[in-house]
Amino acid sequence: MSLVIIDYGAGNIQSIKFAFQRLGVNAVLSNDPEVIRKAEKVIFPGVGEASSAMRKLRESGLDTVIPTLKQPVLGICLGMQLMCNASEEGNTKGLGIFDVEVIKFNSNVKVPQIGWNKIENLQSPLFKNLENDFIYLVHSFYAPKCEETIATCTYGLEYAAALAKDNFYGVQFHPEKSGQYGAQILKNFLSL
């Protein structure tokens, strides 16, 4: 299994790499378009602020590479948000893979949402052998429910906890920090 974690300077990639090592898979960290294109599976992580992360993608040319990938791609947290059309955070144009715009939680809830929340309405092979359970999140912005939503969470309102379109998947939460449940999601991704 060749698995590449895109290393563009905006992700907590070591914890993701260790999560896959626990599953017996050694991931390669790379920002080389050729290495990424040849991988069987690709992880697109992201931590931090949308506009600066998008700038790093443009500087490395990965903004044009990622949307053209044909193998299964999993965006995690900010990675998922950057796969959307746009984000209110820094007024950022995204990669346009998922047809939704990321917006900020309103002031009715504590922002950022940090901690465990229940994931529901699971509708994808990504959640094979899983039921509604708790996952770990850290975010101030979210993707509203849309046609590509494959799971939801509720935090003041119901929003997209996960998205899917063709070979692209995105999760707002951190599977690498979500215990056995998150490990099963990563295992399911490997078997897509």
N, C-alpha and C. Protein backbone atom coordinates (compact mmCIF):
# COMPACT_ATOMS: atom_id res chain seq x y z
N MET A 1 0.85 -1.19 0.00
CA MET A 1 0.00 0.00 0.00
C MET A 1 0.88 1.24 0.00
N SER A 2 0.80 2.04 -1.07
CA SER A 2 1.55 3.30 -1.06
C SER A 2 0.60 4.43 -0.66
N LEU A 3 0.92 5.03 0.48
CA LEU A 3 0.10 6.08 1.06
C LEU A 3 0.96 7.32 1.21
N VAL A 4 0.48 8.44 0.67
CA VAL A 4 1.21 9.70 0.80
C VAL A 4 0.39 10.68 1.62
N ILE A 5 1.04 11.30 2.59
CA ILE A 5 0.44 12.42 3.34
C ILE A 5 1.04 13.69 2.74
N ILE A 6 0.20 14.54 2.21
CA ILE A 6 0.70 15.77 1.57
C ILE A 6 1.31 16.67 2.64
N ASP A 7 2.58 17.00 2.45
CA ASP A 7 3.34 17.81 3.40
C ASP A 7 3.57 19.19 2.79
N TYR A 8 2.67 20.12 3.10
CA TYR A 8 2.78 21.47 2.52
C TYR A 8 2.95 22.53 3.60
N GLY A 9 3.32 22.09 4.81
CA GLY A 9 3.62 23.03 5.88
C GLY A 9 2.40 23.53 6.63
N ALA A 10 1.27 22.81 6.55
CA ALA A 10 0.07 23.26 7.25
C ALA A 10 -0.70 22.09 7.85
N GLY A 11 0.03 21.17 8.46
CA GLY A 11 -0.68 20.02 9.03
C GLY A 11 0.07 19.42 10.20
N ASN A 12 -0.68 18.75 11.08
CA ASN A 12 -0.04 18.00 12.16
C ASN A 12 0.21 16.59 11.63
N ILE A 13 1.11 16.52 10.67
CA ILE A 13 1.26 15.28 9.90
C ILE A 13 1.88 14.14 10.69
N GLN A 14 2.66 14.42 11.70
CA GLN A 14 3.29 13.33 12.45
C GLN A 14 2.26 12.46 13.15
N SER A 15 1.24 13.09 13.77
CA SER A 15 0.23 12.29 14.47
C SER A 15 -0.57 11.44 13.49
N ILE A 16 -0.79 11.95 12.28
CA ILE A 16 -1.49 11.16 11.25
C ILE A 16 -0.60 10.01 10.80
N LYS A 17 0.68 10.30 10.60
CA LYS A 17 1.62 9.25 10.19
C LYS A 17 1.67 8.13 11.24
N PHE A 18 1.71 8.51 12.53
CA PHE A 18 1.75 7.50 13.61
C PHE A 18 0.45 6.69 13.64
N ALA A 19 -0.69 7.34 13.36
CA ALA A 19 -1.97 6.62 13.35
C ALA A 19 -1.95 5.52 12.29
N PHE A 20 -1.36 5.80 11.13
CA PHE A 20 -1.27 4.77 10.08
C PHE A 20 -0.24 3.71 10.43
N GLN A 21 0.86 4.12 11.11
CA GLN A 21 1.84 3.12 11.55
C GLN A 21 1.20 2.11 12.48
N ARG A 22 0.30 2.58 13.36
CA ARG A 22 -0.42 1.66 14.25
C ARG A 22 -1.27 0.67 13.46
N LEU A 23 -1.66 1.05 12.24
CA LEU A 23 -2.43 0.15 11.38
C LEU A 23 -1.53 -0.69 10.47
N GLY A 24 -0.22 -0.55 10.66
CA GLY A 24 0.74 -1.33 9.88
C GLY A 24 1.07 -0.75 8.52
N VAL A 25 0.79 0.54 8.31
CA VAL A 25 1.06 1.18 7.02
C VAL A 25 2.05 2.33 7.23
N ASN A 26 3.13 2.31 6.46
CA ASN A 26 4.09 3.40 6.52
C ASN A 26 3.75 4.44 5.48
N ALA A 27 3.36 5.61 5.91
CA ALA A 27 3.01 6.70 5.00
C ALA A 27 4.26 7.48 4.64
N VAL A 28 4.29 7.99 3.41
CA VAL A 28 5.36 8.85 2.94
C VAL A 28 4.88 10.29 3.04
N LEU A 29 5.71 11.17 3.58
CA LEU A 29 5.39 12.60 3.61
C LEU A 29 5.99 13.23 2.37
N SER A 30 5.19 13.95 1.59
CA SER A 30 5.73 14.52 0.35
C SER A 30 4.92 15.71 -0.12
N ASN A 31 5.60 16.64 -0.81
CA ASN A 31 4.91 17.71 -1.53
C ASN A 31 5.27 17.64 -3.01
N ASP A 32 5.84 16.51 -3.44
CA ASP A 32 6.24 16.30 -4.83
C ASP A 32 5.03 15.81 -5.63
N PRO A 33 4.57 16.60 -6.62
CA PRO A 33 3.38 16.21 -7.39
C PRO A 33 3.47 14.79 -7.98
N GLU A 34 4.64 14.38 -8.45
CA GLU A 34 4.77 13.05 -9.06
C GLU A 34 4.59 11.94 -8.02
N VAL A 35 5.18 12.13 -6.84
CA VAL A 35 5.04 11.15 -5.76
C VAL A 35 3.58 11.05 -5.34
N ILE A 36 2.92 12.20 -5.24
CA ILE A 36 1.51 12.24 -4.85
C ILE A 36 0.65 11.56 -5.90
N ARG A 37 0.88 11.86 -7.17
CA ARG A 37 0.08 11.26 -8.25
C ARG A 37 0.21 9.74 -8.31
N LYS A 38 1.39 9.21 -7.97
CA LYS A 38 1.64 7.76 -8.07
C LYS A 38 1.14 6.98 -6.86
N ALA A 39 0.79 7.66 -5.78
CA ALA A 39 0.34 6.97 -4.55
C ALA A 39 -0.99 6.28 -4.79
N GLU A 40 -1.21 5.17 -4.08
CA GLU A 40 -2.51 4.48 -4.16
C GLU A 40 -3.57 5.24 -3.38
N LYS A 41 -3.16 5.88 -2.27
CA LYS A 41 -4.07 6.65 -1.44
C LYS A 41 -3.35 7.93 -1.00
N VAL A 42 -4.13 9.01 -0.82
CA VAL A 42 -3.54 10.30 -0.45
C VAL A 42 -4.31 10.90 0.73
N ILE A 43 -3.57 11.41 1.71
CA ILE A 43 -4.14 12.15 2.84
C ILE A 43 -3.78 13.62 2.66
N PHE A 44 -4.80 14.48 2.77
CA PHE A 44 -4.62 15.92 2.65
C PHE A 44 -4.97 16.55 4.00
N PRO A 45 -3.96 16.72 4.87
CA PRO A 45 -4.21 17.24 6.22
C PRO A 45 -4.29 18.76 6.22
N GLY A 46 -4.59 19.31 7.36
CA GLY A 46 -4.55 20.76 7.47
C GLY A 46 -4.86 21.21 8.87
N VAL A 47 -4.01 22.10 9.38
CA VAL A 47 -4.23 22.72 10.68
C VAL A 47 -3.82 24.18 10.50
N GLY A 48 -4.59 25.09 11.08
CA GLY A 48 -4.22 26.50 10.97
C GLY A 48 -5.26 27.31 10.25
N GLU A 49 -4.82 28.33 9.57
CA GLU A 49 -5.70 29.33 8.97
C GLU A 49 -5.80 29.11 7.46
N ALA A 50 -7.03 29.22 6.93
CA ALA A 50 -7.31 28.84 5.54
C ALA A 50 -6.50 29.60 4.50
N SER A 51 -6.44 30.94 4.59
CA SER A 51 -5.79 31.70 3.52
C SER A 51 -4.29 31.43 3.46
N SER A 52 -3.63 31.30 4.63
CA SER A 52 -2.19 31.02 4.59
C SER A 52 -1.92 29.58 4.12
N ALA A 53 -2.79 28.63 4.49
CA ALA A 53 -2.63 27.26 4.01
C ALA A 53 -2.83 27.20 2.50
N MET A 54 -3.81 27.93 1.99
CA MET A 54 -4.07 27.96 0.55
C MET A 54 -2.89 28.60 -0.19
N ARG A 55 -2.30 29.62 0.42
CA ARG A 55 -1.13 30.27 -0.19
C ARG A 55 0.02 29.27 -0.33
N LYS A 56 0.22 28.44 0.72
CA LYS A 56 1.28 27.42 0.65
C LYS A 56 1.00 26.40 -0.45
N LEU A 57 -0.27 26.04 -0.63
CA LEU A 57 -0.63 25.12 -1.71
C LEU A 57 -0.32 25.73 -3.07
N ARG A 58 -0.67 27.01 -3.25
CA ARG A 58 -0.41 27.68 -4.54
C ARG A 58 1.08 27.79 -4.81
N GLU A 59 1.86 28.13 -3.76
CA GLU A 59 3.31 28.28 -3.94
C GLU A 59 3.95 26.99 -4.41
N SER A 60 3.42 25.85 -3.95
CA SER A 60 4.01 24.56 -4.33
C SER A 60 3.34 23.96 -5.58
N GLY A 61 2.31 24.65 -6.11
CA GLY A 61 1.60 24.14 -7.28
C GLY A 61 0.61 23.03 -6.96
N LEU A 62 0.46 22.71 -5.68
CA LEU A 62 -0.43 21.60 -5.31
C LEU A 62 -1.90 21.96 -5.45
N ASP A 63 -2.21 23.25 -5.54
CA ASP A 63 -3.60 23.66 -5.73
C ASP A 63 -4.15 23.17 -7.07
N THR A 64 -3.27 22.97 -8.04
CA THR A 64 -3.73 22.44 -9.34
C THR A 64 -3.60 20.92 -9.41
N VAL A 65 -2.76 20.34 -8.56
CA VAL A 65 -2.55 18.88 -8.56
C VAL A 65 -3.69 18.15 -7.84
N ILE A 66 -4.04 18.60 -6.65
CA ILE A 66 -5.00 17.87 -5.80
C ILE A 66 -6.34 17.62 -6.49
N PRO A 67 -6.96 18.63 -7.13
CA PRO A 67 -8.27 18.36 -7.76
C PRO A 67 -8.22 17.37 -8.92
N THR A 68 -7.03 17.10 -9.46
CA THR A 68 -6.92 16.19 -10.61
C THR A 68 -6.60 14.75 -10.20
N LEU A 69 -6.43 14.50 -8.90
CA LEU A 69 -6.07 13.16 -8.44
C LEU A 69 -7.21 12.18 -8.71
N LYS A 70 -6.86 10.94 -9.07
CA LYS A 70 -7.86 9.92 -9.42
C LYS A 70 -8.01 8.85 -8.33
N GLN A 71 -7.01 8.74 -7.44
CA GLN A 71 -7.08 7.75 -6.36
C GLN A 71 -7.87 8.30 -5.19
N PRO A 72 -8.26 7.47 -4.21
CA PRO A 72 -8.95 7.99 -3.03
C PRO A 72 -8.09 9.02 -2.28
N VAL A 73 -8.72 10.17 -1.98
CA VAL A 73 -8.06 11.28 -1.27
C VAL A 73 -8.92 11.59 -0.05
N LEU A 74 -8.28 11.70 1.13
CA LEU A 74 -8.99 12.04 2.36
C LEU A 74 -8.47 13.36 2.91
N GLY A 75 -9.32 14.37 2.92
CA GLY A 75 -8.99 15.65 3.53
C GLY A 75 -9.38 15.63 4.99
N ILE A 76 -8.50 16.09 5.86
CA ILE A 76 -8.75 16.09 7.30
C ILE A 76 -8.77 17.53 7.82
N CYS A 77 -9.83 17.89 8.54
CA CYS A 77 -10.00 19.18 9.19
C CYS A 77 -9.86 20.32 8.18
N LEU A 78 -8.85 21.17 8.29
CA LEU A 78 -8.67 22.27 7.33
C LEU A 78 -8.49 21.72 5.92
N GLY A 79 -7.91 20.53 5.79
CA GLY A 79 -7.78 19.90 4.47
C GLY A 79 -9.14 19.75 3.81
N MET A 80 -10.14 19.27 4.57
CA MET A 80 -11.49 19.14 4.04
C MET A 80 -12.03 20.51 3.66
N GLN A 81 -11.84 21.51 4.53
CA GLN A 81 -12.37 22.85 4.25
C GLN A 81 -11.76 23.46 2.98
N LEU A 82 -10.47 23.21 2.75
CA LEU A 82 -9.82 23.75 1.55
C LEU A 82 -10.30 23.05 0.28
N MET A 83 -10.91 21.87 0.42
CA MET A 83 -11.46 21.15 -0.73
C MET A 83 -12.82 21.73 -1.15
N CYS A 84 -13.36 22.64 -0.34
CA CYS A 84 -14.65 23.27 -0.64
C CYS A 84 -14.44 24.45 -1.59
N ASN A 85 -15.55 25.06 -2.05
CA ASN A 85 -15.45 26.19 -2.99
C ASN A 85 -14.72 27.38 -2.41
N ALA A 86 -15.01 27.67 -1.14
CA ALA A 86 -14.43 28.87 -0.51
C ALA A 86 -14.60 28.76 1.00
N SER A 87 -13.89 29.64 1.71
CA SER A 87 -14.03 29.73 3.17
C SER A 87 -14.11 31.20 3.58
N GLU A 88 -14.99 31.47 4.53
CA GLU A 88 -15.05 32.83 5.10
C GLU A 88 -13.74 33.18 5.80
N GLU A 89 -13.01 32.17 6.24
CA GLU A 89 -11.75 32.43 6.96
C GLU A 89 -10.73 33.02 6.00
N GLY A 90 -10.41 34.29 6.19
CA GLY A 90 -9.45 34.97 5.30
C GLY A 90 -9.99 35.17 3.90
N ASN A 91 -11.33 35.06 3.73
CA ASN A 91 -11.95 35.23 2.41
C ASN A 91 -11.21 34.41 1.35
N THR A 92 -11.13 33.11 1.59
CA THR A 92 -10.26 32.20 0.83
C THR A 92 -11.01 31.43 -0.24
N LYS A 93 -10.48 31.47 -1.47
CA LYS A 93 -11.00 30.62 -2.54
C LYS A 93 -10.41 29.23 -2.36
N GLY A 94 -11.26 28.20 -2.36
CA GLY A 94 -10.79 26.84 -2.15
C GLY A 94 -10.54 26.10 -3.45
N LEU A 95 -10.40 24.78 -3.34
CA LEU A 95 -10.07 23.94 -4.49
C LEU A 95 -11.30 23.59 -5.33
N GLY A 96 -12.51 23.84 -4.80
CA GLY A 96 -13.72 23.64 -5.59
C GLY A 96 -14.12 22.19 -5.83
N ILE A 97 -13.64 21.28 -4.99
CA ILE A 97 -14.00 19.87 -5.14
C ILE A 97 -15.40 19.63 -4.58
N PHE A 98 -15.65 20.14 -3.39
CA PHE A 98 -16.98 20.03 -2.77
C PHE A 98 -17.72 21.35 -3.00
N ASP A 99 -18.97 21.24 -3.43
CA ASP A 99 -19.75 22.42 -3.82
C ASP A 99 -20.45 23.03 -2.61
N VAL A 100 -19.65 23.61 -1.71
CA VAL A 100 -20.18 24.24 -0.50
C VAL A 100 -19.17 25.28 -0.02
N GLU A 101 -19.66 26.30 0.66
CA GLU A 101 -18.78 27.34 1.20
C GLU A 101 -18.70 27.21 2.71
N VAL A 102 -17.48 27.26 3.24
CA VAL A 102 -17.22 27.10 4.67
C VAL A 102 -17.49 28.44 5.37
N ILE A 103 -18.25 28.37 6.48
CA ILE A 103 -18.59 29.59 7.20
C ILE A 103 -18.26 29.45 8.69
N LYS A 104 -18.26 30.59 9.38
CA LYS A 104 -17.90 30.59 10.80
C LYS A 104 -19.13 30.29 11.67
N PHE A 105 -18.91 29.55 12.75
CA PHE A 105 -19.97 29.35 13.73
C PHE A 105 -20.42 30.72 14.25
N ASN A 106 -21.71 30.86 14.53
CA ASN A 106 -22.17 32.15 15.06
C ASN A 106 -21.88 32.24 16.55
N SER A 107 -22.18 33.39 17.12
CA SER A 107 -21.82 33.64 18.52
C SER A 107 -22.74 32.94 19.53
N ASN A 108 -23.70 32.15 19.06
CA ASN A 108 -24.57 31.39 19.98
C ASN A 108 -23.84 30.23 20.64
N VAL A 109 -22.70 29.84 20.07
CA VAL A 109 -21.93 28.72 20.61
C VAL A 109 -20.50 29.18 20.90
N LYS A 110 -19.82 28.45 21.76
CA LYS A 110 -18.43 28.77 22.08
C LYS A 110 -17.56 28.40 20.87
N VAL A 111 -16.75 29.36 20.43
CA VAL A 111 -15.89 29.16 19.26
C VAL A 111 -14.44 29.33 19.69
N PRO A 112 -13.54 28.40 19.33
CA PRO A 112 -13.79 27.22 18.51
C PRO A 112 -14.49 26.09 19.28
N GLN A 113 -15.08 25.17 18.50
CA GLN A 113 -15.58 23.93 19.09
C GLN A 113 -14.34 23.06 19.33
N ILE A 114 -14.10 22.70 20.57
CA ILE A 114 -12.95 21.84 20.90
C ILE A 114 -13.46 20.68 21.73
N GLY A 115 -13.15 19.48 21.30
CA GLY A 115 -13.49 18.30 22.09
C GLY A 115 -14.30 17.28 21.32
N TRP A 116 -14.99 16.45 22.07
CA TRP A 116 -15.70 15.30 21.51
C TRP A 116 -17.13 15.69 21.16
N ASN A 117 -17.59 15.21 20.03
CA ASN A 117 -18.97 15.43 19.61
C ASN A 117 -19.45 14.18 18.91
N LYS A 118 -20.76 14.00 18.90
CA LYS A 118 -21.34 12.79 18.30
C LYS A 118 -21.48 12.96 16.79
N ILE A 119 -21.03 11.95 16.05
CA ILE A 119 -21.19 11.94 14.60
C ILE A 119 -22.39 11.05 14.28
N GLU A 120 -23.23 11.52 13.34
CA GLU A 120 -24.49 10.84 13.03
C GLU A 120 -24.74 10.84 11.52
N ASN A 121 -25.81 10.14 11.13
CA ASN A 121 -26.25 10.10 9.72
C ASN A 121 -25.14 9.62 8.79
N LEU A 122 -24.48 8.52 9.16
CA LEU A 122 -23.35 7.98 8.40
C LEU A 122 -23.85 7.36 7.10
N GLN A 123 -23.28 7.78 5.98
CA GLN A 123 -23.75 7.31 4.67
C GLN A 123 -22.59 7.11 3.69
N SER A 124 -21.64 6.28 4.01
CA SER A 124 -20.51 6.09 3.10
C SER A 124 -19.73 4.85 3.51
N PRO A 125 -19.05 4.19 2.56
CA PRO A 125 -18.14 3.10 2.91
C PRO A 125 -17.04 3.54 3.87
N LEU A 126 -16.80 4.84 3.97
CA LEU A 126 -15.82 5.37 4.92
C LEU A 126 -16.21 5.00 6.35
N PHE A 127 -17.50 4.80 6.58
CA PHE A 127 -18.01 4.48 7.92
C PHE A 127 -18.48 3.02 8.03
N LYS A 128 -17.95 2.16 7.18
CA LYS A 128 -18.31 0.74 7.21
C LYS A 128 -18.06 0.15 8.61
N ASN A 129 -19.01 -0.64 9.09
CA ASN A 129 -18.94 -1.29 10.41
C ASN A 129 -18.92 -0.30 11.57
N LEU A 130 -19.38 0.93 11.35
CA LEU A 130 -19.42 1.92 12.41
C LEU A 130 -20.85 2.43 12.60
N GLU A 131 -21.15 2.83 13.83
CA GLU A 131 -22.43 3.45 14.14
C GLU A 131 -22.16 4.84 14.69
N ASN A 132 -23.21 5.59 14.96
CA ASN A 132 -23.04 6.91 15.56
C ASN A 132 -22.17 6.79 16.81
N ASP A 133 -21.19 7.64 16.93
CA ASP A 133 -20.28 7.59 18.07
C ASP A 133 -19.63 8.96 18.23
N PHE A 134 -18.61 9.04 19.07
CA PHE A 134 -17.97 10.32 19.34
C PHE A 134 -16.63 10.45 18.62
N ILE A 135 -16.40 11.64 18.07
CA ILE A 135 -15.16 11.95 17.36
C ILE A 135 -14.61 13.26 17.92
N TYR A 136 -13.31 13.51 17.67
CA TYR A 136 -12.64 14.67 18.25
C TYR A 136 -12.50 15.80 17.22
N LEU A 137 -12.93 16.99 17.61
CA LEU A 137 -12.91 18.14 16.71
C LEU A 137 -12.24 19.35 17.35
N VAL A 138 -11.63 20.18 16.50
CA VAL A 138 -11.12 21.50 16.88
C VAL A 138 -11.33 22.40 15.68
N HIS A 139 -12.38 23.26 15.71
CA HIS A 139 -12.61 24.13 14.56
C HIS A 139 -13.54 25.28 14.90
N SER A 140 -13.36 26.39 14.17
CA SER A 140 -14.20 27.58 14.31
C SER A 140 -15.11 27.77 13.10
N PHE A 141 -14.77 27.10 12.00
CA PHE A 141 -15.51 27.21 10.75
C PHE A 141 -16.05 25.84 10.39
N TYR A 142 -17.13 25.81 9.61
CA TYR A 142 -17.75 24.52 9.27
C TYR A 142 -18.35 24.58 7.86
N ALA A 143 -18.55 23.41 7.29
CA ALA A 143 -19.26 23.29 6.01
C ALA A 143 -20.73 23.00 6.33
N PRO A 144 -21.66 23.83 5.85
CA PRO A 144 -23.07 23.53 6.06
C PRO A 144 -23.45 22.22 5.37
N LYS A 145 -24.54 21.61 5.83
CA LYS A 145 -25.02 20.39 5.17
C LYS A 145 -25.29 20.71 3.70
N CYS A 146 -24.92 19.75 2.84
CA CYS A 146 -25.09 19.95 1.40
C CYS A 146 -25.28 18.58 0.76
N GLU A 147 -25.39 18.55 -0.56
CA GLU A 147 -25.60 17.30 -1.29
C GLU A 147 -24.50 16.28 -1.03
N GLU A 148 -23.29 16.75 -0.77
CA GLU A 148 -22.13 15.85 -0.62
C GLU A 148 -21.89 15.42 0.82
N THR A 149 -22.78 15.78 1.74
CA THR A 149 -22.65 15.42 3.15
C THR A 149 -22.85 13.92 3.34
N ILE A 150 -21.91 13.27 4.05
CA ILE A 150 -22.02 11.83 4.32
C ILE A 150 -22.07 11.54 5.83
N ALA A 151 -22.01 12.59 6.66
CA ALA A 151 -22.16 12.45 8.11
C ALA A 151 -22.36 13.85 8.68
N THR A 152 -23.03 13.93 9.83
CA THR A 152 -23.29 15.23 10.44
C THR A 152 -22.90 15.24 11.91
N CYS A 153 -22.71 16.45 12.43
CA CYS A 153 -22.58 16.73 13.86
C CYS A 153 -23.52 17.89 14.16
N THR A 154 -23.86 18.03 15.41
CA THR A 154 -24.67 19.17 15.83
C THR A 154 -23.90 19.97 16.87
N TYR A 155 -23.75 21.26 16.58
CA TYR A 155 -23.11 22.19 17.51
C TYR A 155 -23.80 23.54 17.29
N GLY A 156 -24.89 23.75 18.00
CA GLY A 156 -25.71 24.92 17.74
C GLY A 156 -26.62 24.71 16.54
N LEU A 157 -26.12 24.01 15.54
CA LEU A 157 -26.87 23.64 14.34
C LEU A 157 -26.25 22.37 13.78
N GLU A 158 -26.96 21.73 12.88
CA GLU A 158 -26.44 20.50 12.26
C GLU A 158 -25.58 20.91 11.06
N TYR A 159 -24.36 20.37 10.99
CA TYR A 159 -23.45 20.71 9.90
C TYR A 159 -22.78 19.44 9.35
N ALA A 160 -22.05 19.59 8.27
CA ALA A 160 -21.39 18.45 7.63
C ALA A 160 -20.14 18.05 8.41
N ALA A 161 -20.15 16.86 9.00
CA ALA A 161 -18.96 16.34 9.68
C ALA A 161 -18.05 15.64 8.68
N ALA A 162 -18.63 15.22 7.54
CA ALA A 162 -17.86 14.55 6.50
C ALA A 162 -18.54 14.77 5.16
N LEU A 163 -17.72 14.83 4.11
CA LEU A 163 -18.19 15.06 2.74
C LEU A 163 -17.57 14.01 1.82
N ALA A 164 -18.24 13.73 0.71
CA ALA A 164 -17.66 12.83 -0.30
C ALA A 164 -18.18 13.19 -1.68
N LYS A 165 -17.29 13.09 -2.65
CA LYS A 165 -17.65 13.27 -4.05
C LYS A 165 -16.64 12.51 -4.88
N ASP A 166 -17.12 11.55 -5.67
CA ASP A 166 -16.25 10.72 -6.50
C ASP A 166 -15.17 10.06 -5.63
N ASN A 167 -13.89 10.31 -5.91
CA ASN A 167 -12.80 9.69 -5.16
C ASN A 167 -12.33 10.57 -3.99
N PHE A 168 -13.03 11.67 -3.74
CA PHE A 168 -12.62 12.61 -2.70
C PHE A 168 -13.51 12.47 -1.46
N TYR A 169 -12.86 12.43 -0.30
CA TYR A 169 -13.54 12.35 0.99
C TYR A 169 -12.96 13.44 1.88
N GLY A 170 -13.78 13.96 2.77
CA GLY A 170 -13.28 14.95 3.72
C GLY A 170 -13.96 14.74 5.05
N VAL A 171 -13.18 14.89 6.13
CA VAL A 171 -13.74 14.81 7.48
C VAL A 171 -13.33 16.07 8.25
N GLN A 172 -14.30 16.67 8.93
CA GLN A 172 -14.02 17.88 9.71
C GLN A 172 -13.25 17.54 10.98
N PHE A 173 -13.41 16.32 11.44
CA PHE A 173 -12.81 15.90 12.71
C PHE A 173 -11.41 15.31 12.49
N HIS A 174 -10.77 14.93 13.59
CA HIS A 174 -9.43 14.34 13.53
C HIS A 174 -9.53 12.84 13.81
N PRO A 175 -9.55 12.00 12.77
CA PRO A 175 -9.62 10.55 13.03
C PRO A 175 -8.41 10.05 13.81
N GLU A 176 -7.26 10.69 13.62
CA GLU A 176 -6.03 10.26 14.31
C GLU A 176 -6.09 10.56 15.80
N LYS A 177 -7.09 11.36 16.24
CA LYS A 177 -7.24 11.68 17.66
C LYS A 177 -8.56 11.15 18.21
N SER A 178 -9.24 10.32 17.42
CA SER A 178 -10.58 9.85 17.79
C SER A 178 -10.60 8.38 18.19
N GLY A 179 -9.51 7.91 18.79
CA GLY A 179 -9.46 6.56 19.35
C GLY A 179 -9.71 5.46 18.34
N GLN A 180 -10.33 4.37 18.80
CA GLN A 180 -10.58 3.20 17.94
C GLN A 180 -11.53 3.53 16.81
N TYR A 181 -12.48 4.43 17.08
CA TYR A 181 -13.44 4.83 16.06
C TYR A 181 -12.71 5.49 14.88
N GLY A 182 -11.82 6.43 15.20
CA GLY A 182 -11.04 7.09 14.16
C GLY A 182 -10.12 6.14 13.44
N ALA A 183 -9.54 5.19 14.18
CA ALA A 183 -8.66 4.19 13.56
C ALA A 183 -9.44 3.36 12.55
N GLN A 184 -10.69 3.01 12.87
CA GLN A 184 -11.52 2.24 11.94
C GLN A 184 -11.82 3.04 10.68
N ILE A 185 -12.03 4.34 10.82
CA ILE A 185 -12.27 5.18 9.64
C ILE A 185 -11.03 5.19 8.74
N LEU A 186 -9.85 5.32 9.34
CA LEU A 186 -8.61 5.29 8.55
C LEU A 186 -8.44 3.93 7.87
N LYS A 187 -8.77 2.86 8.58
CA LYS A 187 -8.70 1.51 8.02
C LYS A 187 -9.67 1.38 6.85
N ASN A 188 -10.89 1.90 7.03
CA ASN A 188 -11.87 1.87 5.95
C ASN A 188 -11.39 2.65 4.74
N PHE A 189 -10.74 3.79 4.98
CA PHE A 189 -10.22 4.59 3.86
C PHE A 189 -9.18 3.79 3.08
N LEU A 190 -8.33 3.06 3.79
CA LEU A 190 -7.30 2.26 3.13
C LEU A 190 -7.90 1.17 2.24
N SER A 191 -9.12 0.73 2.56
CA SER A 191 -9.72 -0.36 1.77
C SER A 191 -10.67 0.16 0.69
N LEU A 192 -10.78 1.48 0.53
CA LEU A 192 -11.65 2.04 -0.53
C LEU A 192 -11.09 1.72 -1.91
